[in-house]
Protein backbone atom coordinates (compact mmCIF):
# COMPACT_ATOMS: atom_id res chain seq x y z
CA UNK A 1 0.00 0.00 0.00
CA UNK A 2 1.28 3.44 -0.90
CA UNK A 3 1.85 6.00 1.83
CA UNK A 4 -0.64 8.49 0.37
CA UNK A 5 -3.36 5.80 0.27
CA UNK A 6 -2.65 4.86 3.89
CA UNK A 7 -2.73 8.53 4.89
CA UNK A 8 -6.13 8.93 3.23
CA UNK A 9 -7.48 5.89 5.13
CA UNK A 10 -6.16 7.19 8.46
CA UNK A 11 -7.61 10.66 7.91
CA UNK A 12 -10.95 9.20 6.81
CA UNK A 13 -11.31 7.01 9.90
CA UNK A 14 -10.37 9.86 12.23
CA UNK A 15 -12.86 12.18 10.56
CA UNK A 16 -15.65 9.57 10.55
CA UNK A 17 -15.09 8.80 14.24
CA UNK A 18 -15.20 12.44 15.35
CA UNK A 19 -11.49 13.07 15.81
CA UNK A 20 -10.87 16.79 16.27
CA UNK A 21 -8.20 19.09 14.80
CA UNK A 22 -6.70 16.49 12.48
CA UNK A 23 -3.24 17.72 11.47
CA UNK A 24 -0.84 16.07 9.03
CA UNK A 25 2.82 17.04 9.37
CA UNK A 26 5.20 16.31 6.51
CA UNK A 27 8.46 15.43 8.27
CA UNK A 28 10.31 14.12 5.22
CA UNK A 29 13.88 15.35 5.55
CA UNK A 30 13.42 16.23 9.24
CA UNK A 31 13.63 12.66 10.55
CA UNK A 32 14.46 9.22 9.22
CA UNK A 33 11.84 7.62 11.47
CA UNK A 34 8.77 8.43 9.37
CA UNK A 35 7.46 10.57 6.51
CA UNK A 36 4.26 11.89 8.07
CA UNK A 37 2.94 12.48 11.55
CA UNK A 38 -0.79 12.70 12.02
CA UNK A 39 -1.98 14.39 15.20
CA UNK A 40 -5.60 14.28 16.30
CA UNK A 41 -7.41 15.42 19.42
CA UNK A 42 -9.72 13.02 21.24
CA UNK A 43 -12.45 14.15 23.61
CA UNK A 44 -11.36 11.72 26.36
CA UNK A 45 -8.94 8.88 27.10
CA UNK A 46 -11.63 6.40 26.05
CA UNK A 47 -12.14 8.26 22.77
CA UNK A 48 -8.36 8.25 22.18
CA UNK A 49 -8.23 4.47 22.59
CA UNK A 50 -11.27 4.04 20.34
CA UNK A 51 -9.84 6.23 17.58
CA UNK A 52 -6.59 4.25 17.59
CA UNK A 53 -8.51 0.96 17.62
CA UNK A 54 -10.67 1.99 14.64
CA UNK A 55 -7.59 3.01 12.66
CA UNK A 56 -5.92 -0.31 13.52
CA UNK A 57 -8.92 -2.30 12.31
CA UNK A 58 -9.24 -0.32 9.08
CA UNK A 59 -5.57 -0.51 8.09
CA UNK A 60 -5.49 -4.24 8.85
CA UNK A 61 -8.60 -4.75 6.69
CA UNK A 62 -6.71 -3.02 3.89
CA UNK A 63 -3.81 -5.46 4.19
CA UNK A 64 -1.40 -3.30 6.19
CA UNK A 65 0.42 -4.52 9.29
CA UNK A 66 1.02 -1.82 11.94
CA UNK A 67 4.47 -1.84 13.52
CA UNK A 68 3.35 -1.00 17.04
CA UNK A 69 0.98 0.69 19.45
CA UNK A 70 1.83 2.50 22.68
CA UNK A 71 -0.31 3.97 25.44
CA UNK A 72 -3.65 2.26 24.89
CA UNK A 73 -4.65 1.53 28.48
CA UNK A 74 -5.93 4.63 30.24
CA UNK A 75 -3.65 7.06 28.49
CA UNK A 76 -4.13 10.60 27.26
CA UNK A 77 -1.75 9.89 24.35
CA UNK A 78 -1.91 6.84 22.09
CA UNK A 79 0.79 6.38 19.46
CA UNK A 80 0.23 4.14 16.46
CA UNK A 81 3.30 3.35 14.34
CA UNK A 82 2.37 2.63 10.72
CA UNK A 83 5.90 2.96 9.38
CA UNK A 84 5.75 5.90 6.98
CA UNK A 85 3.00 7.39 9.15
CA UNK A 86 2.97 7.82 12.90
CA UNK A 87 -0.40 8.63 14.43
CA UNK A 88 -0.60 10.58 17.68
CA UNK A 89 -4.07 10.47 19.29
CA UNK A 90 -4.09 12.89 22.21
CA UNK A 91 -6.53 14.48 24.61
CA UNK A 92 -6.72 18.27 24.35
CA UNK A 93 -4.69 18.64 27.55
CA UNK A 94 -1.89 16.38 26.30
CA UNK A 95 -1.83 18.02 22.89
CA UNK A 96 -1.61 21.47 24.45
CA UNK A 97 1.14 20.36 26.83
CA UNK A 98 3.40 18.56 24.32
CA UNK A 99 2.80 20.88 21.34
CA UNK A 100 4.10 18.42 18.73
CA UNK A 101 3.19 20.72 15.85
CA UNK A 102 5.49 23.38 17.26
CA UNK A 103 8.27 20.87 17.85
CA UNK A 104 8.19 19.56 14.28
CA UNK A 105 7.72 22.94 12.62
CA UNK A 106 11.25 24.03 13.53
CA UNK A 107 13.29 24.50 10.39
CA UNK A 108 16.31 22.29 9.92
CA UNK A 109 19.65 24.00 10.53
CA UNK A 110 22.82 23.12 8.64
CA UNK A 111 25.40 21.75 11.13
CA UNK A 112 28.19 23.76 9.53
CA UNK A 113 26.32 26.97 10.44
CA UNK A 114 26.00 25.86 14.06
CA UNK A 115 29.66 24.88 14.30
CA UNK A 116 30.80 28.11 12.62
CA UNK A 117 32.47 26.36 9.71
C-alpha cells in the first residue's frame, strides 16, 4: 500500500469517528523515522483508545500490518506506528502540553552553520 493511500485511510477514519483538529505534518527530511505524523485530538482517554482501535482495524482490513501501538490503556496519548505514518491520538490537555506541531515545525539548521564552519 502506498503511503498516500494509507494517509487517506487514516484521515478518513479519524474524521468519521469524530477526531478533532486532524493535522498532518510532513516530516520528510526532518527525521528518518517516518514521513508523516498525524496528530488528532480526542475528547477523552476512552475516545483516544477508540480512535486508535478503529484506525488499527481499518488498516489491517486493507492489508497493512502496523508496527506498534503504545499507550492504549488509560492514556491521554496513544501512538500508532504505521511505518511511513505515525499517528498521535491525544486528549486536548496532552496536545496542548506537548505541542508536537510546534516541535516539528522548527526549520532544519545546517550543522556547519551551528559549528561556525
